[in-house]
Amino acid sequence: MHCRILGAPVQDGAGRKGCEMGPSALRVAGLVEALTDLGHTVDDLGTAAPAPVAPISHPNTALKALPEIAAWTAALAEASYRASDNAMPIFLGGDHAISAGTLAGIARRAAENRRPLFVLWLDAHTDFHTLDSTTSGNLHGVPLAYATGRPGFEGYFPPLAAAIDPARVCALGIRSVDPAERIALNEAGVTLYDMRAIDEHGISPLLRAFLERVAEAEGMLHVSLDVDFLDPSIAPAVGTTVPGGATLREAHLVMEMLSDSGLVTSLDLVELNPFLDERGRTATLMVDLTASLMGRRIMDRPTRSY
């Protein structure tokens, strides 16, 4: 496969600093080498830069860094659209605010290809707030709402070339949802599998049902992997830790099932904060999970001491 790597060192959307170092940490942890060892060709496009920042005001005074995130969204929407031309783009965050831009650009590409775009959102949170509903004001909590065309972003974020149908979104591993998001998710029809559903049914049948829908529709599949999808005991390098996340075995199973499906066309790796890591263990795990998604199997994994 032809892969394109693009760094998006965004930290303005998160509540604490450090995510801007995420792309560098993933590169140092051997992401490019892991992909090339698996036989993929890799173009490293370097680091994206935001569009010019314009002054923006909003009635919700809790919002933080709105002009900066709007500028990043505009730049990443264009960059992700270009990177997805006859290649699989892998976007290195940065906080989850990058997905407002990456999803917008990939949705534009899917619309031009006349294929439906599906999204697998691997996260402890749904990130389904609007600019009006967020109380924290941290804009890494809005990208999925924006990309699916929820109201309230007009005049603040860039117009969408193509909105994603929320019925084609599956949020997996969820364990922290605010009341406003819960109402909006029910209205929108997002498929949501929280950790209770995973505990009751297992992660495999839930994911398999979603992948069957993607395959039946001949859709493109964007995967957005947030570090806090994982349990903080194995992935501490994230500023939004929520106990009870996916185990190492569950996470690798998800990646291997995605690989087997052959459906994944783009990938986000987000919320890695190296300042909070322990000797690079979270960055290394994110690289290992990416390698599983891209074809590495249990017999191919190197033995490491953690």
C-alpha atoms as a PDB file:
ATOM      1  CA  MET A   1       0.000   0.000   0.000  1.00  0.00           C
ATOM      2  CA  HIS A   2       1.092   3.560  -0.658  1.00  0.00           C
ATOM      3  CA  CYS A   3       0.949   5.527   2.618  1.00  0.00           C
ATOM      4  CA  ARG A   4       1.349   9.235   3.212  1.00  0.00           C
ATOM      5  CA  ILE A   5       2.307  10.450   6.696  1.00  0.00           C
ATOM      6  CA  LEU A   6       1.360  13.960   7.772  1.00  0.00           C
ATOM      7  CA  GLY A   7       2.088  15.516  11.153  1.00  0.00           C
ATOM      8  CA  ALA A   8      -0.533  17.791  12.689  1.00  0.00           C
ATOM      9  CA  PRO A   9       1.016  19.233  15.880  1.00  0.00           C
ATOM     10  CA  VAL A  10      -2.164  20.703  17.315  1.00  0.00           C
ATOM     11  CA  GLN A  11      -2.468  21.196  21.060  1.00  0.00           C
ATOM     12  CA  ASP A  12      -4.854  24.177  21.159  1.00  0.00           C
ATOM     13  CA  GLY A  13      -7.891  21.903  21.407  1.00  0.00           C
ATOM     14  CA  ALA A  14      -6.788  20.083  24.555  1.00  0.00           C
ATOM     15  CA  GLY A  15      -6.843  21.130  28.183  1.00  0.00           C
ATOM     16  CA  ARG A  16      -3.092  20.731  28.725  1.00  0.00           C
ATOM     17  CA  LYS A  17       0.025  21.214  26.650  1.00  0.00           C
ATOM     18  CA  GLY A  18       2.172  18.478  25.144  1.00  0.00           C
ATOM     19  CA  CYS A  19       0.241  17.020  22.199  1.00  0.00           C
ATOM     20  CA  GLU A  20       2.209  19.098  19.715  1.00  0.00           C
ATOM     21  CA  MET A  21       5.096  16.693  20.383  1.00  0.00           C
ATOM     22  CA  GLY A  22       2.957  13.701  19.375  1.00  0.00           C
ATOM     23  CA  PRO A  23       3.986  13.513  15.695  1.00  0.00           C
ATOM     24  CA  SER A  24       7.682  13.585  16.591  1.00  0.00           C
ATOM     25  CA  ALA A  25       7.226  10.876  19.227  1.00  0.00           C
ATOM     26  CA  LEU A  26       5.454   8.584  16.768  1.00  0.00           C
ATOM     27  CA  ARG A  27       8.233   9.050  14.240  1.00  0.00           C
ATOM     28  CA  VAL A  28      10.922   8.424  16.877  1.00  0.00           C
ATOM     29  CA  ALA A  29       9.039   5.284  17.966  1.00  0.00           C
ATOM     30  CA  GLY A  30       9.535   3.893  14.461  1.00  0.00           C
ATOM     31  CA  LEU A  31       6.253   4.394  12.634  1.00  0.00           C
ATOM     32  CA  VAL A  32       7.787   4.817   9.183  1.00  0.00           C
ATOM     33  CA  GLU A  33      10.153   1.886   9.701  1.00  0.00           C
ATOM     34  CA  ALA A  34       7.288  -0.342  10.865  1.00  0.00           C
ATOM     35  CA  LEU A  35       5.297   0.438   7.741  1.00  0.00           C
ATOM     36  CA  THR A  36       8.196  -0.066   5.339  1.00  0.00           C
ATOM     37  CA  ASP A  37       9.136  -3.342   7.052  1.00  0.00           C
ATOM     38  CA  LEU A  38       5.623  -4.547   6.214  1.00  0.00           C
ATOM     39  CA  GLY A  39       6.218  -3.788   2.528  1.00  0.00           C
ATOM     40  CA  HIS A  40       4.339  -0.509   2.270  1.00  0.00           C
ATOM     41  CA  THR A  41       5.768   2.514   0.499  1.00  0.00           C
ATOM     42  CA  VAL A  42       5.752   5.621   2.681  1.00  0.00           C
ATOM     43  CA  ASP A  43       5.915   9.285   1.806  1.00  0.00           C
ATOM     44  CA  ASP A  44       6.479  11.456   4.858  1.00  0.00           C
ATOM     45  CA  LEU A  45       4.879  14.794   4.014  1.00  0.00           C
ATOM     46  CA  GLY A  46       6.343  16.465   7.067  1.00  0.00           C
ATOM     47  CA  THR A  47       4.321  18.773   9.240  1.00  0.00           C
ATOM     48  CA  ALA A  48       1.184  20.714   8.386  1.00  0.00           C
ATOM     49  CA  ALA A  49       0.871  24.389   9.266  1.00  0.00           C
ATOM     50  CA  PRO A  50      -2.334  26.223  10.182  1.00  0.00           C
ATOM     51  CA  ALA A  51      -4.046  28.688   7.889  1.00  0.00           C
ATOM     52  CA  PRO A  52      -3.791  32.370   8.861  1.00  0.00           C
ATOM     53  CA  VAL A  53      -5.606  33.003  12.129  1.00  0.00           C
ATOM     54  CA  ALA A  54      -8.537  35.404  11.883  1.00  0.00           C
ATOM     55  CA  PRO A  55     -10.263  36.950  14.905  1.00  0.00           C
ATOM     56  CA  ILE A  56     -13.482  35.101  15.812  1.00  0.00           C
ATOM     57  CA  SER A  57     -15.864  35.725  18.686  1.00  0.00           C
ATOM     58  CA  HIS A  58     -18.652  33.433  19.885  1.00  0.00           C
ATOM     59  CA  PRO A  59     -21.422  33.817  22.472  1.00  0.00           C
ATOM     60  CA  ASN A  60     -20.111  30.796  24.386  1.00  0.00           C
ATOM     61  CA  THR A  61     -17.406  32.460  26.459  1.00  0.00           C
ATOM     62  CA  ALA A  62     -16.079  29.076  27.614  1.00  0.00           C
ATOM     63  CA  LEU A  63     -14.576  28.374  24.174  1.00  0.00           C
ATOM     64  CA  LYS A  64     -10.787  28.213  24.104  1.00  0.00           C
ATOM     65  CA  ALA A  65      -8.594  28.912  21.074  1.00  0.00           C
ATOM     66  CA  LEU A  66     -11.498  29.081  18.615  1.00  0.00           C
ATOM     67  CA  PRO A  67      -9.584  31.155  16.012  1.00  0.00           C
ATOM     68  CA  GLU A  68      -6.610  28.788  16.199  1.00  0.00           C
ATOM     69  CA  ILE A  69      -8.682  25.611  15.842  1.00  0.00           C
ATOM     70  CA  ALA A  70     -10.668  27.103  12.968  1.00  0.00           C
ATOM     71  CA  ALA A  71      -7.381  27.902  11.219  1.00  0.00           C
ATOM     72  CA  TRP A  72      -6.047  24.400  11.781  1.00  0.00           C
ATOM     73  CA  THR A  73      -9.323  22.883  10.543  1.00  0.00           C
ATOM     74  CA  ALA A  74      -9.146  24.827   7.279  1.00  0.00           C
ATOM     75  CA  ALA A  75      -5.538  23.821   6.662  1.00  0.00           C
ATOM     76  CA  LEU A  76      -6.015  20.146   7.539  1.00  0.00           C
ATOM     77  CA  ALA A  77      -9.182  19.835   5.461  1.00  0.00           C
ATOM     78  CA  GLU A  78      -7.185  20.819   2.387  1.00  0.00           C
ATOM     79  CA  ALA A  79      -4.088  18.840   3.355  1.00  0.00           C
ATOM     80  CA  SER A  80      -6.018  15.647   4.076  1.00  0.00           C
ATOM     81  CA  TYR A  81      -7.910  15.946   0.807  1.00  0.00           C
ATOM     82  CA  ARG A  82      -4.626  16.177  -1.117  1.00  0.00           C
ATOM     83  CA  ALA A  83      -2.972  13.389   0.884  1.00  0.00           C
ATOM     84  CA  SER A  84      -5.843  10.991   0.163  1.00  0.00           C
ATOM     85  CA  ASP A  85      -5.316  11.108  -3.613  1.00  0.00           C
ATOM     86  CA  ASN A  86      -4.494   7.502  -4.556  1.00  0.00           C
ATOM     87  CA  ALA A  87      -2.888   6.795  -1.191  1.00  0.00           C
ATOM     88  CA  MET A  88      -3.725   5.966   2.402  1.00  0.00           C
ATOM     89  CA  PRO A  89      -3.058   9.004   4.587  1.00  0.00           C
ATOM     90  CA  ILE A  90      -2.028   8.582   8.225  1.00  0.00           C
ATOM     91  CA  PHE A  91      -2.407  11.753  10.271  1.00  0.00           C
ATOM     92  CA  LEU A  92      -0.233  12.153  13.351  1.00  0.00           C
ATOM     93  CA  GLY A  93      -1.763  14.303  16.085  1.00  0.00           C
ATOM     94  CA  GLY A  94      -1.866  16.455  17.987  1.00  0.00           C
ATOM     95  CA  ASP A  95      -5.091  16.463  19.914  1.00  0.00           C
ATOM     96  CA  HIS A  96      -8.383  15.158  18.544  1.00  0.00           C
ATOM     97  CA  ALA A  97      -9.289  18.577  17.163  1.00  0.00           C
ATOM     98  CA  ILE A  98      -7.260  17.577  14.089  1.00  0.00           C
ATOM     99  CA  SER A  99     -10.093  15.265  13.087  1.00  0.00           C
ATOM    100  CA  ALA A 100     -12.361  18.204  12.309  1.00  0.00           C
ATOM    101  CA  GLY A 101     -10.016  18.890   9.410  1.00  0.00           C
ATOM    102  CA  THR A 102      -9.024  15.355   8.459  1.00  0.00           C
ATOM    103  CA  LEU A 103     -12.617  14.145   8.351  1.00  0.00           C
ATOM    104  CA  ALA A 104     -13.682  17.164   6.298  1.00  0.00           C
ATOM    105  CA  GLY A 105     -10.983  16.506   3.712  1.00  0.00           C
ATOM    106  CA  ILE A 106     -11.539  12.750   3.542  1.00  0.00           C
ATOM    107  CA  ALA A 107     -15.311  13.277   3.217  1.00  0.00           C
ATOM    108  CA  ARG A 108     -14.686  15.561   0.259  1.00  0.00           C
ATOM    109  CA  ARG A 109     -12.512  12.876  -1.351  1.00  0.00           C
ATOM    110  CA  ALA A 110     -15.150  10.189  -0.740  1.00  0.00           C
ATOM    111  CA  ALA A 111     -17.861  12.363  -2.271  1.00  0.00           C
ATOM    112  CA  GLU A 112     -15.747  12.896  -5.387  1.00  0.00           C
ATOM    113  CA  ASN A 113     -15.183   9.138  -5.581  1.00  0.00           C
ATOM    114  CA  ARG A 114     -18.937   8.619  -5.158  1.00  0.00           C
ATOM    115  CA  ARG A 115     -18.396   6.277  -2.253  1.00  0.00           C
ATOM    116  CA  PRO A 116     -19.958   6.528   1.207  1.00  0.00           C
ATOM    117  CA  LEU A 117     -17.562   7.392   4.002  1.00  0.00           C
ATOM    118  CA  PHE A 118     -17.791   5.443   7.260  1.00  0.00           C
ATOM    119  CA  VAL A 119     -15.978   6.406  10.465  1.00  0.00           C
ATOM    120  CA  LEU A 120     -14.765   4.164  13.283  1.00  0.00           C
ATOM    121  CA  TRP A 121     -14.219   6.386  16.317  1.00  0.00           C
ATOM    122  CA  LEU A 122     -11.995   4.614  18.856  1.00  0.00           C
ATOM    123  CA  ASP A 123     -12.154   6.830  21.905  1.00  0.00           C
ATOM    124  CA  ALA A 124     -13.249   7.114  25.522  1.00  0.00           C
ATOM    125  CA  HIS A 125     -15.280  10.158  24.462  1.00  0.00           C
ATOM    126  CA  THR A 126     -17.690  10.800  21.602  1.00  0.00           C
ATOM    127  CA  ASP A 127     -16.435  14.339  20.843  1.00  0.00           C
ATOM    128  CA  PHE A 128     -19.964  15.238  19.778  1.00  0.00           C
ATOM    129  CA  HIS A 129     -20.265  18.661  21.374  1.00  0.00           C
ATOM    130  CA  THR A 130     -21.115  21.732  19.330  1.00  0.00           C
ATOM    131  CA  LEU A 131     -19.658  25.167  19.915  1.00  0.00           C
ATOM    132  CA  ASP A 132     -22.811  25.990  21.848  1.00  0.00           C
ATOM    133  CA  SER A 133     -23.016  22.876  24.022  1.00  0.00           C
ATOM    134  CA  THR A 134     -19.435  22.483  25.263  1.00  0.00           C
ATOM    135  CA  THR A 135     -18.911  23.625  28.821  1.00  0.00           C
ATOM    136  CA  SER A 136     -15.193  22.885  29.061  1.00  0.00           C
ATOM    137  CA  GLY A 137     -14.503  24.939  25.945  1.00  0.00           C
ATOM    138  CA  ASN A 138     -11.814  22.460  24.831  1.00  0.00           C
ATOM    139  CA  LEU A 139     -12.382  22.053  21.111  1.00  0.00           C
ATOM    140  CA  HIS A 140     -10.967  18.540  20.863  1.00  0.00           C
ATOM    141  CA  GLY A 141     -14.507  17.687  21.995  1.00  0.00           C
ATOM    142  CA  VAL A 142     -16.279  18.904  18.826  1.00  0.00           C
ATOM    143  CA  PRO A 143     -14.754  17.307  15.679  1.00  0.00           C
ATOM    144  CA  LEU A 144     -17.253  14.497  15.171  1.00  0.00           C
ATOM    145  CA  ALA A 145     -20.217  16.844  15.589  1.00  0.00           C
ATOM    146  CA  TYR A 146     -18.705  19.287  13.082  1.00  0.00           C
ATOM    147  CA  ALA A 147     -17.855  16.639  10.477  1.00  0.00           C
ATOM    148  CA  THR A 148     -21.355  15.153  10.614  1.00  0.00           C
ATOM    149  CA  GLY A 149     -22.960  18.524   9.935  1.00  0.00           C
ATOM    150  CA  ARG A 150     -24.394  19.339  13.355  1.00  0.00           C
ATOM    151  CA  PRO A 151     -25.693  22.926  13.505  1.00  0.00           C
ATOM    152  CA  GLY A 152     -23.841  25.779  15.154  1.00  0.00           C
ATOM    153  CA  PHE A 153     -20.502  25.734  13.326  1.00  0.00           C
ATOM    154  CA  GLU A 154     -21.570  28.024  10.475  1.00  0.00           C
ATOM    155  CA  GLY A 155     -19.524  31.187  10.356  1.00  0.00           C
ATOM    156  CA  TYR A 156     -16.924  29.817  12.759  1.00  0.00           C
ATOM    157  CA  PHE A 157     -15.472  26.657  11.214  1.00  0.00           C
ATOM    158  CA  PRO A 158     -14.915  26.289   7.451  1.00  0.00           C
ATOM    159  CA  PRO A 159     -17.962  25.193   5.424  1.00  0.00           C
ATOM    160  CA  LEU A 160     -18.049  21.449   4.779  1.00  0.00           C
ATOM    161  CA  ALA A 161     -17.673  20.279   1.199  1.00  0.00           C
ATOM    162  CA  ALA A 162     -19.460  17.076   2.254  1.00  0.00           C
ATOM    163  CA  ALA A 163     -20.934  16.174   5.630  1.00  0.00           C
ATOM    164  CA  ILE A 164     -20.617  12.611   6.930  1.00  0.00           C
ATOM    165  CA  ASP A 165     -23.860  10.744   7.528  1.00  0.00           C
ATOM    166  CA  PRO A 166     -23.898  10.138  11.313  1.00  0.00           C
ATOM    167  CA  ALA A 167     -25.605   6.802  10.691  1.00  0.00           C
ATOM    168  CA  ARG A 168     -22.283   5.713   9.154  1.00  0.00           C
ATOM    169  CA  VAL A 169     -20.322   6.464  12.323  1.00  0.00           C
ATOM    170  CA  CYS A 170     -19.476   3.840  14.946  1.00  0.00           C
ATOM    171  CA  ALA A 171     -18.029   5.025  18.258  1.00  0.00           C
ATOM    172  CA  LEU A 172     -16.350   2.119  20.049  1.00  0.00           C
ATOM    173  CA  GLY A 173     -14.939   1.973  23.576  1.00  0.00           C
ATOM    174  CA  ILE A 174     -16.924   4.932  24.871  1.00  0.00           C
ATOM    175  CA  ARG A 175     -17.032   5.522  28.625  1.00  0.00           C
ATOM    176  CA  SER A 176     -17.415   9.271  29.121  1.00  0.00           C
ATOM    177  CA  VAL A 177     -20.375  11.111  27.546  1.00  0.00           C
ATOM    178  CA  ASP A 178     -21.772  14.468  28.637  1.00  0.00           C
ATOM    179  CA  PRO A 179     -25.582  14.939  28.866  1.00  0.00           C
ATOM    180  CA  ALA A 180     -25.745  17.292  25.854  1.00  0.00           C
ATOM    181  CA  GLU A 181     -23.776  14.817  23.767  1.00  0.00           C
ATOM    182  CA  ARG A 182     -26.051  11.948  24.810  1.00  0.00           C
ATOM    183  CA  ILE A 183     -29.100  13.794  23.486  1.00  0.00           C
ATOM    184  CA  ALA A 184     -27.364  14.760  20.247  1.00  0.00           C
ATOM    185  CA  LEU A 185     -26.064  11.228  19.635  1.00  0.00           C
ATOM    186  CA  ASN A 186     -29.552   9.772  20.007  1.00  0.00           C
ATOM    187  CA  GLU A 187     -30.946  12.343  17.600  1.00  0.00           C
ATOM    188  CA  ALA A 188     -28.212  11.769  15.035  1.00  0.00           C
ATOM    189  CA  GLY A 189     -28.302   7.969  15.022  1.00  0.00           C
ATOM    190  CA  VAL A 190     -24.608   7.307  15.677  1.00  0.00           C
ATOM    191  CA  THR A 191     -23.838   3.651  16.473  1.00  0.00           C
ATOM    192  CA  LEU A 192     -22.365   3.702  19.962  1.00  0.00           C
ATOM    193  CA  TYR A 193     -20.754   0.767  21.727  1.00  0.00           C
ATOM    194  CA  ASP A 194     -19.624   1.674  25.224  1.00  0.00           C
ATOM    195  CA  MET A 195     -17.441  -0.468  27.441  1.00  0.00           C
ATOM    196  CA  ARG A 196     -20.486  -2.170  28.934  1.00  0.00           C
ATOM    197  CA  ALA A 197     -21.482  -3.399  25.468  1.00  0.00           C
ATOM    198  CA  ILE A 198     -17.938  -4.655  24.958  1.00  0.00           C
ATOM    199  CA  ASP A 199     -17.978  -6.404  28.339  1.00  0.00           C
ATOM    200  CA  GLU A 200     -21.341  -8.055  27.613  1.00  0.00           C
ATOM    201  CA  HIS A 201     -20.852  -9.054  23.986  1.00  0.00           C
ATOM    202  CA  GLY A 202     -17.128  -8.911  23.309  1.00  0.00           C
ATOM    203  CA  ILE A 203     -15.458  -6.464  20.984  1.00  0.00           C
ATOM    204  CA  SER A 204     -15.276  -8.801  17.997  1.00  0.00           C
ATOM    205  CA  PRO A 205     -18.988  -9.207  17.134  1.00  0.00           C
ATOM    206  CA  LEU A 206     -19.654  -5.491  17.607  1.00  0.00           C
ATOM    207  CA  LEU A 207     -16.879  -4.470  15.253  1.00  0.00           C
ATOM    208  CA  ARG A 208     -17.686  -7.241  12.774  1.00  0.00           C
ATOM    209  CA  ALA A 209     -21.283  -6.016  12.426  1.00  0.00           C
ATOM    210  CA  PHE A 210     -20.067  -2.514  11.591  1.00  0.00           C
ATOM    211  CA  LEU A 211     -17.462  -3.747   9.108  1.00  0.00           C
ATOM    212  CA  GLU A 212     -20.115  -5.794   7.339  1.00  0.00           C
ATOM    213  CA  ARG A 213     -22.124  -2.609   6.835  1.00  0.00           C
ATOM    214  CA  VAL A 214     -19.090  -0.848   5.353  1.00  0.00           C
ATOM    215  CA  ALA A 215     -18.352  -3.737   3.012  1.00  0.00           C
ATOM    216  CA  GLU A 216     -21.967  -4.044   1.867  1.00  0.00           C
ATOM    217  CA  ALA A 217     -22.045  -0.346   0.968  1.00  0.00           C
ATOM    218  CA  GLU A 218     -18.601  -0.524  -0.735  1.00  0.00           C
ATOM    219  CA  GLY A 219     -17.638   2.337   1.525  1.00  0.00           C
ATOM    220  CA  MET A 220     -14.399   4.012   2.483  1.00  0.00           C
ATOM    221  CA  LEU A 221     -13.464   3.683   6.158  1.00  0.00           C
ATOM    222  CA  HIS A 222     -11.684   6.306   8.225  1.00  0.00           C
ATOM    223  CA  VAL A 223     -10.348   5.151  11.593  1.00  0.00           C
ATOM    224  CA  SER A 224      -9.677   7.693  14.321  1.00  0.00           C
ATOM    225  CA  LEU A 225      -7.629   6.191  17.148  1.00  0.00           C
ATOM    226  CA  ASP A 226      -7.408   8.234  20.343  1.00  0.00           C
ATOM    227  CA  VAL A 227      -4.858   7.158  22.956  1.00  0.00           C
ATOM    228  CA  ASP A 228      -7.591   7.233  25.608  1.00  0.00           C
ATOM    229  CA  PHE A 229      -9.431   4.419  23.822  1.00  0.00           C
ATOM    230  CA  LEU A 230      -6.826   2.324  25.627  1.00  0.00           C
ATOM    231  CA  ASP A 231      -6.761   1.691  29.336  1.00  0.00           C
ATOM    232  CA  PRO A 232      -4.393   4.173  31.018  1.00  0.00           C
ATOM    233  CA  SER A 233      -2.520   1.293  32.653  1.00  0.00           C
ATOM    234  CA  ILE A 234      -1.047   0.460  29.240  1.00  0.00           C
ATOM    235  CA  ALA A 235      -1.208   3.932  27.637  1.00  0.00           C
ATOM    236  CA  PRO A 236      -0.566   6.679  30.194  1.00  0.00           C
ATOM    237  CA  ALA A 237       0.488   9.406  27.741  1.00  0.00           C
ATOM    238  CA  VAL A 238      -2.834  11.208  27.397  1.00  0.00           C
ATOM    239  CA  GLY A 239      -4.320  14.163  29.223  1.00  0.00           C
ATOM    240  CA  THR A 240      -7.862  12.751  29.289  1.00  0.00           C
ATOM    241  CA  THR A 241      -7.406   9.382  30.971  1.00  0.00           C
ATOM    242  CA  VAL A 242     -10.557   7.426  31.773  1.00  0.00           C
ATOM    243  CA  PRO A 243     -10.153   4.087  33.602  1.00  0.00           C
ATOM    244  CA  GLY A 244     -11.603   0.928  32.140  1.00  0.00           C
ATOM    245  CA  GLY A 245     -10.434   1.250  28.547  1.00  0.00           C
ATOM    246  CA  ALA A 246      -9.517  -1.329  25.952  1.00  0.00           C
ATOM    247  CA  THR A 247      -6.905  -3.896  26.933  1.00  0.00           C
ATOM    248  CA  LEU A 248      -3.800  -4.622  24.912  1.00  0.00           C
ATOM    249  CA  ARG A 249      -5.383  -7.774  23.511  1.00  0.00           C
ATOM    250  CA  GLU A 250      -8.666  -6.050  22.635  1.00  0.00           C
ATOM    251  CA  ALA A 251      -6.844  -3.217  20.888  1.00  0.00           C
ATOM    252  CA  HIS A 252      -4.716  -5.526  18.774  1.00  0.00           C
ATOM    253  CA  LEU A 253      -7.777  -7.604  17.908  1.00  0.00           C
ATOM    254  CA  VAL A 254      -9.531  -4.475  16.627  1.00  0.00           C
ATOM    255  CA  MET A 255      -6.527  -3.575  14.497  1.00  0.00           C
ATOM    256  CA  GLU A 256      -6.157  -7.077  13.091  1.00  0.00           C
ATOM    257  CA  MET A 257      -9.852  -7.260  12.230  1.00  0.00           C
ATOM    258  CA  LEU A 258      -9.559  -3.925  10.452  1.00  0.00           C
ATOM    259  CA  SER A 259      -6.560  -5.248   8.547  1.00  0.00           C
ATOM    260  CA  ASP A 260      -8.385  -8.427   7.578  1.00  0.00           C
ATOM    261  CA  SER A 261     -11.317  -6.407   6.282  1.00  0.00           C
ATOM    262  CA  GLY A 262      -9.201  -4.460   3.787  1.00  0.00           C
ATOM    263  CA  LEU A 263     -11.588  -1.532   4.205  1.00  0.00           C
ATOM    264  CA  VAL A 264      -9.494   1.114   5.958  1.00  0.00           C
ATOM    265  CA  THR A 265      -8.596   4.038   3.694  1.00  0.00           C
ATOM    266  CA  SER A 266      -7.327   6.645   6.203  1.00  0.00           C
ATOM    267  CA  LEU A 267      -6.191   6.856   9.817  1.00  0.00           C
ATOM    268  CA  ASP A 268      -5.831   9.382  12.641  1.00  0.00           C
ATOM    269  CA  LEU A 269      -3.465   8.774  15.575  1.00  0.00           C
ATOM    270  CA  VAL A 270      -4.335  11.393  18.179  1.00  0.00           C
ATOM    271  CA  GLU A 271      -3.958  12.683  21.745  1.00  0.00           C
ATOM    272  CA  LEU A 272      -0.475  11.286  22.325  1.00  0.00           C
ATOM    273  CA  ASN A 273       1.165  13.565  24.887  1.00  0.00           C
ATOM    274  CA  PRO A 274       4.813  12.479  25.205  1.00  0.00           C
ATOM    275  CA  PHE A 275       5.272  14.739  28.234  1.00  0.00           C
ATOM    276  CA  LEU A 276       3.046  12.287  30.133  1.00  0.00           C
ATOM    277  CA  ASP A 277       4.611   9.100  28.780  1.00  0.00           C
ATOM    278  CA  GLU A 278       6.859   6.564  30.484  1.00  0.00           C
ATOM    279  CA  ARG A 279      10.021   5.998  28.427  1.00  0.00           C
ATOM    280  CA  GLY A 280       8.010   6.108  25.202  1.00  0.00           C
ATOM    281  CA  ARG A 281       5.777   3.136  26.027  1.00  0.00           C
ATOM    282  CA  THR A 282       2.567   4.755  24.733  1.00  0.00           C
ATOM    283  CA  ALA A 283       4.168   5.974  21.512  1.00  0.00           C
ATOM    284  CA  THR A 284       5.592   2.494  20.938  1.00  0.00           C
ATOM    285  CA  LEU A 285       2.192   0.914  21.572  1.00  0.00           C
ATOM    286  CA  MET A 286       0.521   3.274  19.080  1.00  0.00           C
ATOM    287  CA  VAL A 287       3.107   2.295  16.473  1.00  0.00           C
ATOM    288  CA  ASP A 288       2.556  -1.404  17.230  1.00  0.00           C
ATOM    289  CA  LEU A 289      -1.213  -0.985  16.858  1.00  0.00           C
ATOM    290  CA  THR A 290      -0.745   0.818  13.552  1.00  0.00           C
ATOM    291  CA  ALA A 291       1.461  -2.025  12.378  1.00  0.00           C
ATOM    292  CA  SER A 292      -1.279  -4.516  13.293  1.00  0.00           C
ATOM    293  CA  LEU A 293      -3.776  -2.501  11.282  1.00  0.00           C
ATOM    294  CA  MET A 294      -1.359  -2.465   8.358  1.00  0.00           C
ATOM    295  CA  GLY A 295      -0.757  -6.199   8.318  1.00  0.00           C
ATOM    296  CA  ARG A 296       1.525  -7.305  11.136  1.00  0.00           C
ATOM    297  CA  ARG A 297       0.380 -10.465  12.894  1.00  0.00           C
ATOM    298  CA  ILE A 298       1.155 -12.003  16.272  1.00  0.00           C
ATOM    299  CA  MET A 299       4.005 -14.124  14.890  1.00  0.00           C
ATOM    300  CA  ASP A 300       5.640 -10.997  13.445  1.00  0.00           C
ATOM    301  CA  ARG A 301       5.699  -8.849  16.579  1.00  0.00           C
ATOM    302  CA  PRO A 302       9.071  -8.126  18.194  1.00  0.00           C
ATOM    303  CA  THR A 303       9.602  -9.180  21.779  1.00  0.00           C
ATOM    304  CA  ARG A 304       9.895  -6.154  24.045  1.00  0.00           C
ATOM    305  CA  SER A 305      10.449  -5.567  27.724  1.00  0.00           C
ATOM    306  CA  TYR A 306       7.999  -3.036  29.142  1.00  0.00           C
END
